[in-house]
Amino acid sequence: LNYNYNYLSNIFSEVKGISIEKFYLTHKIERVKELIIYDELNISEIAYRVNYSSVAHLSNQFKKFTGLTPSQFKMLKNNRRDTLENV
């Protein structure tokens, strides 16, 4: 594209209202949520699949964005699913 990163980043922020980094991380966390809900991979496999350097890094970022650890999120989703199945 031959554009400076700062220039593109500023345009992106003006259009989307958030930085490129925050946009990327938000989508990354949403992908982690999907993988947790599908319940086919453990957290270590999810960290690898979504390109986190470690499970600890994924867990810290996940908690920063959601207020929950990945395990808490999984339990919350499982409890909601159990409640719906009992209806």
PDB file of N, CA and C in Angstrom:
ATOM      1  N   LEU A   1       0.801  -1.208   0.000  1.00  0.00           N
ATOM      2  CA  LEU A   1       0.000   0.000   0.000  1.00  0.00           C
ATOM      3  C   LEU A   1       0.841   1.268   0.000  1.00  0.00           C
ATOM      4  N   ASN A   2       2.079   1.143   0.440  1.00  0.00           N
ATOM      5  CA  ASN A   2       2.988   2.291   0.488  1.00  0.00           C
ATOM      6  C   ASN A   2       2.490   3.428   1.379  1.00  0.00           C
ATOM      7  N   TYR A   3       1.796   3.089   2.461  1.00  0.00           N
ATOM      8  CA  TYR A   3       1.363   4.086   3.434  1.00  0.00           C
ATOM      9  C   TYR A   3       2.048   3.815   4.761  1.00  0.00           C
ATOM     10  N   ASN A   4       2.314   4.854   5.485  1.00  0.00           N
ATOM     11  CA  ASN A   4       2.896   4.781   6.807  1.00  0.00           C
ATOM     12  C   ASN A   4       1.885   4.157   7.776  1.00  0.00           C
ATOM     13  N   TYR A   5       2.376   3.307   8.699  1.00  0.00           N
ATOM     14  CA  TYR A   5       1.493   2.652   9.661  1.00  0.00           C
ATOM     15  C   TYR A   5       0.702   3.670  10.483  1.00  0.00           C
ATOM     16  N   ASN A   6       1.363   4.708  10.953  1.00  0.00           N
ATOM     17  CA  ASN A   6       0.667   5.710  11.773  1.00  0.00           C
ATOM     18  C   ASN A   6      -0.465   6.380  11.001  1.00  0.00           C
ATOM     19  N   TYR A   7      -0.237   6.648   9.746  1.00  0.00           N
ATOM     20  CA  TYR A   7      -1.270   7.253   8.901  1.00  0.00           C
ATOM     21  C   TYR A   7      -2.479   6.323   8.795  1.00  0.00           C
ATOM     22  N   LEU A   8      -2.221   5.059   8.463  1.00  0.00           N
ATOM     23  CA  LEU A   8      -3.318   4.089   8.345  1.00  0.00           C
ATOM     24  C   LEU A   8      -4.014   3.867   9.684  1.00  0.00           C
ATOM     25  N   SER A   9      -3.228   3.820  10.748  1.00  0.00           N
ATOM     26  CA  SER A   9      -3.789   3.623  12.082  1.00  0.00           C
ATOM     27  C   SER A   9      -4.722   4.770  12.461  1.00  0.00           C
ATOM     28  N   ASN A  10      -4.318   5.989  12.158  1.00  0.00           N
ATOM     29  CA  ASN A  10      -5.160   7.154  12.456  1.00  0.00           C
ATOM     30  C   ASN A  10      -6.461   7.126  11.659  1.00  0.00           C
ATOM     31  N   ILE A  11      -6.379   6.779  10.390  1.00  0.00           N
ATOM     32  CA  ILE A  11      -7.591   6.687   9.567  1.00  0.00           C
ATOM     33  C   ILE A  11      -8.506   5.587  10.106  1.00  0.00           C
ATOM     34  N   PHE A  12      -7.928   4.441  10.432  1.00  0.00           N
ATOM     35  CA  PHE A  12      -8.712   3.334  10.979  1.00  0.00           C
ATOM     36  C   PHE A  12      -9.434   3.775  12.253  1.00  0.00           C
ATOM     37  N   SER A  13      -8.702   4.431  13.144  1.00  0.00           N
ATOM     38  CA  SER A  13      -9.286   4.896  14.409  1.00  0.00           C
ATOM     39  C   SER A  13     -10.412   5.895  14.186  1.00  0.00           C
ATOM     40  N   GLU A  14     -10.245   6.772  13.218  1.00  0.00           N
ATOM     41  CA  GLU A  14     -11.294   7.748  12.913  1.00  0.00           C
ATOM     42  C   GLU A  14     -12.550   7.056  12.390  1.00  0.00           C
ATOM     43  N   VAL A  15     -12.372   6.061  11.541  1.00  0.00           N
ATOM     44  CA  VAL A  15     -13.512   5.370  10.930  1.00  0.00           C
ATOM     45  C   VAL A  15     -14.188   4.421  11.919  1.00  0.00           C
ATOM     46  N   LYS A  16     -13.394   3.620  12.629  1.00  0.00           N
ATOM     47  CA  LYS A  16     -13.941   2.583  13.513  1.00  0.00           C
ATOM     48  C   LYS A  16     -14.167   3.058  14.948  1.00  0.00           C
ATOM     49  N   GLY A  17     -13.480   4.107  15.349  1.00  0.00           N
ATOM     50  CA  GLY A  17     -13.630   4.602  16.711  1.00  0.00           C
ATOM     51  C   GLY A  17     -12.766   3.875  17.725  1.00  0.00           C
ATOM     52  N   ILE A  18     -11.938   2.938  17.270  1.00  0.00           N
ATOM     53  CA  ILE A  18     -10.991   2.244  18.148  1.00  0.00           C
ATOM     54  C   ILE A  18      -9.690   2.025  17.379  1.00  0.00           C
ATOM     55  N   SER A  19      -8.635   1.749  18.126  1.00  0.00           N
ATOM     56  CA  SER A  19      -7.343   1.523  17.482  1.00  0.00           C
ATOM     57  C   SER A  19      -7.326   0.171  16.767  1.00  0.00           C
ATOM     58  N   ILE A  20      -6.389   0.028  15.846  1.00  0.00           N
ATOM     59  CA  ILE A  20      -6.227  -1.248  15.143  1.00  0.00           C
ATOM     60  C   ILE A  20      -5.937  -2.360  16.152  1.00  0.00           C
ATOM     61  N   GLU A  21      -5.086  -2.065  17.130  1.00  0.00           N
ATOM     62  CA  GLU A  21      -4.711  -3.066  18.125  1.00  0.00           C
ATOM     63  C   GLU A  21      -5.924  -3.542  18.917  1.00  0.00           C
ATOM     64  N   LYS A  22      -6.741  -2.598  19.378  1.00  0.00           N
ATOM     65  CA  LYS A  22      -7.932  -2.961  20.159  1.00  0.00           C
ATOM     66  C   LYS A  22      -8.915  -3.751  19.284  1.00  0.00           C
ATOM     67  N   PHE A  23      -9.078  -3.356  18.041  1.00  0.00           N
ATOM     68  CA  PHE A  23      -9.942  -4.066  17.104  1.00  0.00           C
ATOM     69  C   PHE A  23      -9.468  -5.507  16.937  1.00  0.00           C
ATOM     70  N   TYR A  24      -8.172  -5.673  16.712  1.00  0.00           N
ATOM     71  CA  TYR A  24      -7.589  -7.003  16.531  1.00  0.00           C
ATOM     72  C   TYR A  24      -7.771  -7.859  17.785  1.00  0.00           C
ATOM     73  N   LEU A  25      -7.457  -7.288  18.949  1.00  0.00           N
ATOM     74  CA  LEU A  25      -7.579  -8.043  20.198  1.00  0.00           C
ATOM     75  C   LEU A  25      -9.027  -8.399  20.509  1.00  0.00           C
ATOM     76  N   THR A  26      -9.941  -7.502  20.211  1.00  0.00           N
ATOM     77  CA  THR A  26     -11.363  -7.784  20.434  1.00  0.00           C
ATOM     78  C   THR A  26     -11.805  -8.974  19.594  1.00  0.00           C
ATOM     79  N   HIS A  27     -11.398  -9.006  18.347  1.00  0.00           N
ATOM     80  CA  HIS A  27     -11.754 -10.136  17.480  1.00  0.00           C
ATOM     81  C   HIS A  27     -11.070 -11.424  17.925  1.00  0.00           C
ATOM     82  N   LYS A  28      -9.858 -11.297  18.426  1.00  0.00           N
ATOM     83  CA  LYS A  28      -9.127 -12.462  18.918  1.00  0.00           C
ATOM     84  C   LYS A  28      -9.848 -13.054  20.139  1.00  0.00           C
ATOM     85  N   ILE A  29     -10.284 -12.205  21.052  1.00  0.00           N
ATOM     86  CA  ILE A  29     -11.004 -12.669  22.243  1.00  0.00           C
ATOM     87  C   ILE A  29     -12.347 -13.275  21.848  1.00  0.00           C
ATOM     88  N   GLU A  30     -13.025 -12.699  20.878  1.00  0.00           N
ATOM     89  CA  GLU A  30     -14.292 -13.282  20.404  1.00  0.00           C
ATOM     90  C   GLU A  30     -14.067 -14.679  19.836  1.00  0.00           C
ATOM     91  N   ARG A  31     -12.959 -14.873  19.152  1.00  0.00           N
ATOM     92  CA  ARG A  31     -12.630 -16.206  18.618  1.00  0.00           C
ATOM     93  C   ARG A  31     -12.363 -17.179  19.762  1.00  0.00           C
ATOM     94  N   VAL A  32     -11.668 -16.718  20.795  1.00  0.00           N
ATOM     95  CA  VAL A  32     -11.419 -17.559  21.970  1.00  0.00           C
ATOM     96  C   VAL A  32     -12.750 -17.962  22.602  1.00  0.00           C
ATOM     97  N   LYS A  33     -13.676 -17.019  22.737  1.00  0.00           N
ATOM     98  CA  LYS A  33     -15.000 -17.327  23.299  1.00  0.00           C
ATOM     99  C   LYS A  33     -15.692 -18.416  22.485  1.00  0.00           C
ATOM    100  N   GLU A  34     -15.660 -18.284  21.170  1.00  0.00           N
ATOM    101  CA  GLU A  34     -16.284 -19.294  20.302  1.00  0.00           C
ATOM    102  C   GLU A  34     -15.678 -20.668  20.545  1.00  0.00           C
ATOM    103  N   LEU A  35     -14.360 -20.724  20.612  1.00  0.00           N
ATOM    104  CA  LEU A  35     -13.684 -22.004  20.802  1.00  0.00           C
ATOM    105  C   LEU A  35     -13.981 -22.596  22.175  1.00  0.00           C
ATOM    106  N   ILE A  36     -14.115 -21.752  23.189  1.00  0.00           N
ATOM    107  CA  ILE A  36     -14.482 -22.240  24.524  1.00  0.00           C
ATOM    108  C   ILE A  36     -15.891 -22.814  24.488  1.00  0.00           C
ATOM    109  N   ILE A  37     -16.811 -22.114  23.858  1.00  0.00           N
ATOM    110  CA  ILE A  37     -18.210 -22.552  23.794  1.00  0.00           C
ATOM    111  C   ILE A  37     -18.338 -23.862  23.033  1.00  0.00           C
ATOM    112  N   TYR A  38     -17.583 -24.026  21.930  1.00  0.00           N
ATOM    113  CA  TYR A  38     -17.665 -25.271  21.159  1.00  0.00           C
ATOM    114  C   TYR A  38     -17.156 -26.464  21.961  1.00  0.00           C
ATOM    115  N   ASP A  39     -16.298 -26.202  22.951  1.00  0.00           N
ATOM    116  CA  ASP A  39     -15.870 -27.214  23.914  1.00  0.00           C
ATOM    117  C   ASP A  39     -15.159 -28.411  23.281  1.00  0.00           C
ATOM    118  N   GLU A  40     -14.439 -28.182  22.198  1.00  0.00           N
ATOM    119  CA  GLU A  40     -13.697 -29.271  21.561  1.00  0.00           C
ATOM    120  C   GLU A  40     -12.204 -29.215  21.878  1.00  0.00           C
ATOM    121  N   LEU A  41     -11.719 -28.057  22.309  1.00  0.00           N
ATOM    122  CA  LEU A  41     -10.297 -27.872  22.592  1.00  0.00           C
ATOM    123  C   LEU A  41     -10.105 -27.439  24.035  1.00  0.00           C
ATOM    124  N   ASN A  42      -8.975 -27.823  24.639  1.00  0.00           N
ATOM    125  CA  ASN A  42      -8.673 -27.305  25.968  1.00  0.00           C
ATOM    126  C   ASN A  42      -8.023 -25.926  25.818  1.00  0.00           C
ATOM    127  N   ILE A  43      -7.832 -25.241  26.925  1.00  0.00           N
ATOM    128  CA  ILE A  43      -7.365 -23.851  26.876  1.00  0.00           C
ATOM    129  C   ILE A  43      -5.966 -23.747  26.273  1.00  0.00           C
ATOM    130  N   SER A  44      -5.138 -24.743  26.491  1.00  0.00           N
ATOM    131  CA  SER A  44      -3.797 -24.750  25.911  1.00  0.00           C
ATOM    132  C   SER A  44      -3.867 -24.839  24.385  1.00  0.00           C
ATOM    133  N   GLU A  45      -4.737 -25.688  23.886  1.00  0.00           N
ATOM    134  CA  GLU A  45      -4.925 -25.821  22.440  1.00  0.00           C
ATOM    135  C   GLU A  45      -5.514 -24.547  21.838  1.00  0.00           C
ATOM    136  N   ILE A  46      -6.424 -23.920  22.577  1.00  0.00           N
ATOM    137  CA  ILE A  46      -7.019 -22.661  22.112  1.00  0.00           C
ATOM    138  C   ILE A  46      -5.942 -21.579  22.032  1.00  0.00           C
ATOM    139  N   ALA A  47      -5.104 -21.493  23.067  1.00  0.00           N
ATOM    140  CA  ALA A  47      -4.023 -20.497  23.074  1.00  0.00           C
ATOM    141  C   ALA A  47      -3.128 -20.677  21.853  1.00  0.00           C
ATOM    142  N   TYR A  48      -2.785 -21.915  21.552  1.00  0.00           N
ATOM    143  CA  TYR A  48      -1.945 -22.199  20.383  1.00  0.00           C
ATOM    144  C   TYR A  48      -2.672 -21.835  19.092  1.00  0.00           C
ATOM    145  N   ARG A  49      -3.929 -22.234  18.988  1.00  0.00           N
ATOM    146  CA  ARG A  49      -4.712 -22.014  17.765  1.00  0.00           C
ATOM    147  C   ARG A  49      -4.881 -20.525  17.458  1.00  0.00           C
ATOM    148  N   VAL A  50      -5.001 -19.697  18.506  1.00  0.00           N
ATOM    149  CA  VAL A  50      -5.269 -18.267  18.312  1.00  0.00           C
ATOM    150  C   VAL A  50      -3.979 -17.433  18.439  1.00  0.00           C
ATOM    151  N   ASN A  51      -2.843 -18.119  18.432  1.00  0.00           N
ATOM    152  CA  ASN A  51      -1.520 -17.474  18.421  1.00  0.00           C
ATOM    153  C   ASN A  51      -1.173 -16.686  19.676  1.00  0.00           C
ATOM    154  N   TYR A  52      -1.523 -17.207  20.843  1.00  0.00           N
ATOM    155  CA  TYR A  52      -1.033 -16.627  22.085  1.00  0.00           C
ATOM    156  C   TYR A  52       0.281 -17.295  22.436  1.00  0.00           C
ATOM    157  N   SER A  53       1.184 -16.552  23.056  1.00  0.00           N
ATOM    158  CA  SER A  53       2.494 -17.096  23.406  1.00  0.00           C
ATOM    159  C   SER A  53       2.405 -18.085  24.559  1.00  0.00           C
ATOM    160  N   SER A  54       1.347 -17.971  25.370  1.00  0.00           N
ATOM    161  CA  SER A  54       1.173 -18.886  26.501  1.00  0.00           C
ATOM    162  C   SER A  54      -0.277 -18.853  26.972  1.00  0.00           C
ATOM    163  N   VAL A  55      -0.636 -19.850  27.763  1.00  0.00           N
ATOM    164  CA  VAL A  55      -1.973 -19.887  28.360  1.00  0.00           C
ATOM    165  C   VAL A  55      -2.139 -18.709  29.317  1.00  0.00           C
ATOM    166  N   ALA A  56      -1.079 -18.380  30.042  1.00  0.00           N
ATOM    167  CA  ALA A  56      -1.144 -17.256  30.988  1.00  0.00           C
ATOM    168  C   ALA A  56      -1.444 -15.947  30.258  1.00  0.00           C
ATOM    169  N   HIS A  57      -0.811 -15.740  29.118  1.00  0.00           N
ATOM    170  CA  HIS A  57      -1.050 -14.520  28.340  1.00  0.00           C
ATOM    171  C   HIS A  57      -2.497 -14.468  27.862  1.00  0.00           C
ATOM    172  N   LEU A  58      -2.998 -15.584  27.346  1.00  0.00           N
ATOM    173  CA  LEU A  58      -4.401 -15.646  26.915  1.00  0.00           C
ATOM    174  C   LEU A  58      -5.324 -15.348  28.096  1.00  0.00           C
ATOM    175  N   SER A  59      -5.083 -16.001  29.226  1.00  0.00           N
ATOM    176  CA  SER A  59      -5.945 -15.824  30.403  1.00  0.00           C
ATOM    177  C   SER A  59      -5.960 -14.386  30.890  1.00  0.00           C
ATOM    178  N   ASN A  60      -4.780 -13.762  30.931  1.00  0.00           N
ATOM    179  CA  ASN A  60      -4.703 -12.363  31.380  1.00  0.00           C
ATOM    180  C   ASN A  60      -5.458 -11.433  30.441  1.00  0.00           C
ATOM    181  N   GLN A  61      -5.263 -11.615  29.152  1.00  0.00           N
ATOM    182  CA  GLN A  61      -5.946 -10.757  28.185  1.00  0.00           C
ATOM    183  C   GLN A  61      -7.452 -11.017  28.190  1.00  0.00           C
ATOM    184  N   PHE A  62      -7.849 -12.267  28.300  1.00  0.00           N
ATOM    185  CA  PHE A  62      -9.262 -12.627  28.330  1.00  0.00           C
ATOM    186  C   PHE A  62      -9.943 -11.963  29.526  1.00  0.00           C
ATOM    187  N   LYS A  63      -9.295 -12.037  30.692  1.00  0.00           N
ATOM    188  CA  LYS A  63      -9.880 -11.433  31.895  1.00  0.00           C
ATOM    189  C   LYS A  63      -9.945  -9.912  31.769  1.00  0.00           C
ATOM    190  N   LYS A  64      -8.933  -9.324  31.159  1.00  0.00           N
ATOM    191  CA  LYS A  64      -8.921  -7.869  30.963  1.00  0.00           C
ATOM    192  C   LYS A  64     -10.097  -7.429  30.087  1.00  0.00           C
ATOM    193  N   PHE A  65     -10.433  -8.215  29.074  1.00  0.00           N
ATOM    194  CA  PHE A  65     -11.503  -7.853  28.141  1.00  0.00           C
ATOM    195  C   PHE A  65     -12.887  -8.238  28.646  1.00  0.00           C
ATOM    196  N   THR A  66     -13.004  -9.360  29.356  1.00  0.00           N
ATOM    197  CA  THR A  66     -14.325  -9.876  29.727  1.00  0.00           C
ATOM    198  C   THR A  66     -14.647  -9.767  31.213  1.00  0.00           C
ATOM    199  N   GLY A  67     -13.623  -9.600  32.036  1.00  0.00           N
ATOM    200  CA  GLY A  67     -13.835  -9.598  33.481  1.00  0.00           C
ATOM    201  C   GLY A  67     -13.883 -11.000  34.066  1.00  0.00           C
ATOM    202  N   LEU A  68     -13.722 -12.007  33.219  1.00  0.00           N
ATOM    203  CA  LEU A  68     -13.763 -13.408  33.646  1.00  0.00           C
ATOM    204  C   LEU A  68     -12.522 -14.135  33.157  1.00  0.00           C
ATOM    205  N   THR A  69     -12.137 -15.175  33.885  1.00  0.00           N
ATOM    206  CA  THR A  69     -11.099 -16.054  33.358  1.00  0.00           C
ATOM    207  C   THR A  69     -11.754 -16.959  32.317  1.00  0.00           C
ATOM    208  N   PRO A  70     -10.979 -17.585  31.452  1.00  0.00           N
ATOM    209  CA  PRO A  70     -11.577 -18.527  30.501  1.00  0.00           C
ATOM    210  C   PRO A  70     -12.379 -19.632  31.193  1.00  0.00           C
ATOM    211  N   SER A  71     -11.894 -20.120  32.328  1.00  0.00           N
ATOM    212  CA  SER A  71     -12.617 -21.168  33.071  1.00  0.00           C
ATOM    213  C   SER A  71     -13.951 -20.660  33.602  1.00  0.00           C
ATOM    214  N   GLN A  72     -13.962 -19.444  34.133  1.00  0.00           N
ATOM    215  CA  GLN A  72     -15.213 -18.860  34.628  1.00  0.00           C
ATOM    216  C   GLN A  72     -16.201 -18.670  33.485  1.00  0.00           C
ATOM    217  N   PHE A  73     -15.714 -18.217  32.342  1.00  0.00           N
ATOM    218  CA  PHE A  73     -16.566 -18.028  31.168  1.00  0.00           C
ATOM    219  C   PHE A  73     -17.174 -19.362  30.745  1.00  0.00           C
ATOM    220  N   LYS A  74     -16.362 -20.405  30.725  1.00  0.00           N
ATOM    221  CA  LYS A  74     -16.838 -21.728  30.326  1.00  0.00           C
ATOM    222  C   LYS A  74     -17.911 -22.233  31.290  1.00  0.00           C
ATOM    223  N   MET A  75     -17.685 -22.071  32.595  1.00  0.00           N
ATOM    224  CA  MET A  75     -18.685 -22.505  33.583  1.00  0.00           C
ATOM    225  C   MET A  75     -19.980 -21.727  33.425  1.00  0.00           C
ATOM    226  N   LEU A  76     -19.874 -20.423  33.198  1.00  0.00           N
ATOM    227  CA  LEU A  76     -21.051 -19.578  33.011  1.00  0.00           C
ATOM    228  C   LEU A  76     -21.851 -20.047  31.806  1.00  0.00           C
ATOM    229  N   LYS A  77     -21.187 -20.303  30.699  1.00  0.00           N
ATOM    230  CA  LYS A  77     -21.875 -20.773  29.487  1.00  0.00           C
ATOM    231  C   LYS A  77     -22.483 -22.155  29.700  1.00  0.00           C
ATOM    232  N   ASN A  78     -21.771 -23.038  30.399  1.00  0.00           N
ATOM    233  CA  ASN A  78     -22.303 -24.379  30.671  1.00  0.00           C
ATOM    234  C   ASN A  78     -23.529 -24.308  31.574  1.00  0.00           C
ATOM    235  N   ASN A  79     -23.511 -23.424  32.566  1.00  0.00           N
ATOM    236  CA  ASN A  79     -24.666 -23.265  33.456  1.00  0.00           C
ATOM    237  C   ASN A  79     -25.878 -22.751  32.696  1.00  0.00           C
ATOM    238  N   ARG A  80     -25.678 -21.825  31.787  1.00  0.00           N
ATOM    239  CA  ARG A  80     -26.793 -21.301  30.986  1.00  0.00           C
ATOM    240  C   ARG A  80     -27.364 -22.382  30.085  1.00  0.00           C
ATOM    241  N   ARG A  81     -26.489 -23.205  29.516  1.00  0.00           N
ATOM    242  CA  ARG A  81     -26.941 -24.279  28.635  1.00  0.00           C
ATOM    243  C   ARG A  81     -27.744 -25.311  29.438  1.00  0.00           C
ATOM    244  N   ASP A  82     -27.269 -25.649  30.644  1.00  0.00           N
ATOM    245  CA  ASP A  82     -27.992 -26.599  31.497  1.00  0.00           C
ATOM    246  C   ASP A  82     -29.372 -26.069  31.850  1.00  0.00           C
ATOM    247  N   THR A  83     -29.466 -24.776  32.154  1.00  0.00           N
ATOM    248  CA  THR A  83     -30.745 -24.162  32.496  1.00  0.00           C
ATOM    249  C   THR A  83     -31.707 -24.242  31.323  1.00  0.00           C
ATOM    250  N   LEU A  84     -31.241 -23.957  30.126  1.00  0.00           N
ATOM    251  CA  LEU A  84     -32.099 -24.018  28.941  1.00  0.00           C
ATOM    252  C   LEU A  84     -32.552 -25.443  28.647  1.00  0.00           C
ATOM    253  N   GLU A  85     -31.690 -26.412  28.887  1.00  0.00           N
ATOM    254  CA  GLU A  85     -32.054 -27.804  28.631  1.00  0.00           C
ATOM    255  C   GLU A  85     -33.119 -28.292  29.610  1.00  0.00           C
ATOM    256  N   ASN A  86     -33.206 -27.663  30.783  1.00  0.00           N
ATOM    257  CA  ASN A  86     -34.192 -28.059  31.792  1.00  0.00           C
ATOM    258  C   ASN A  86     -35.556 -27.423  31.570  1.00  0.00           C
ATOM    259  N   VAL A  87     -35.670 -26.531  30.614  1.00  0.00           N
ATOM    260  CA  VAL A  87     -36.937 -25.844  30.347  1.00  0.00           C
ATOM    261  C   VAL A  87     -37.860 -26.737  29.559  1.00  0.00           C
TER     262      VAL A  87
END
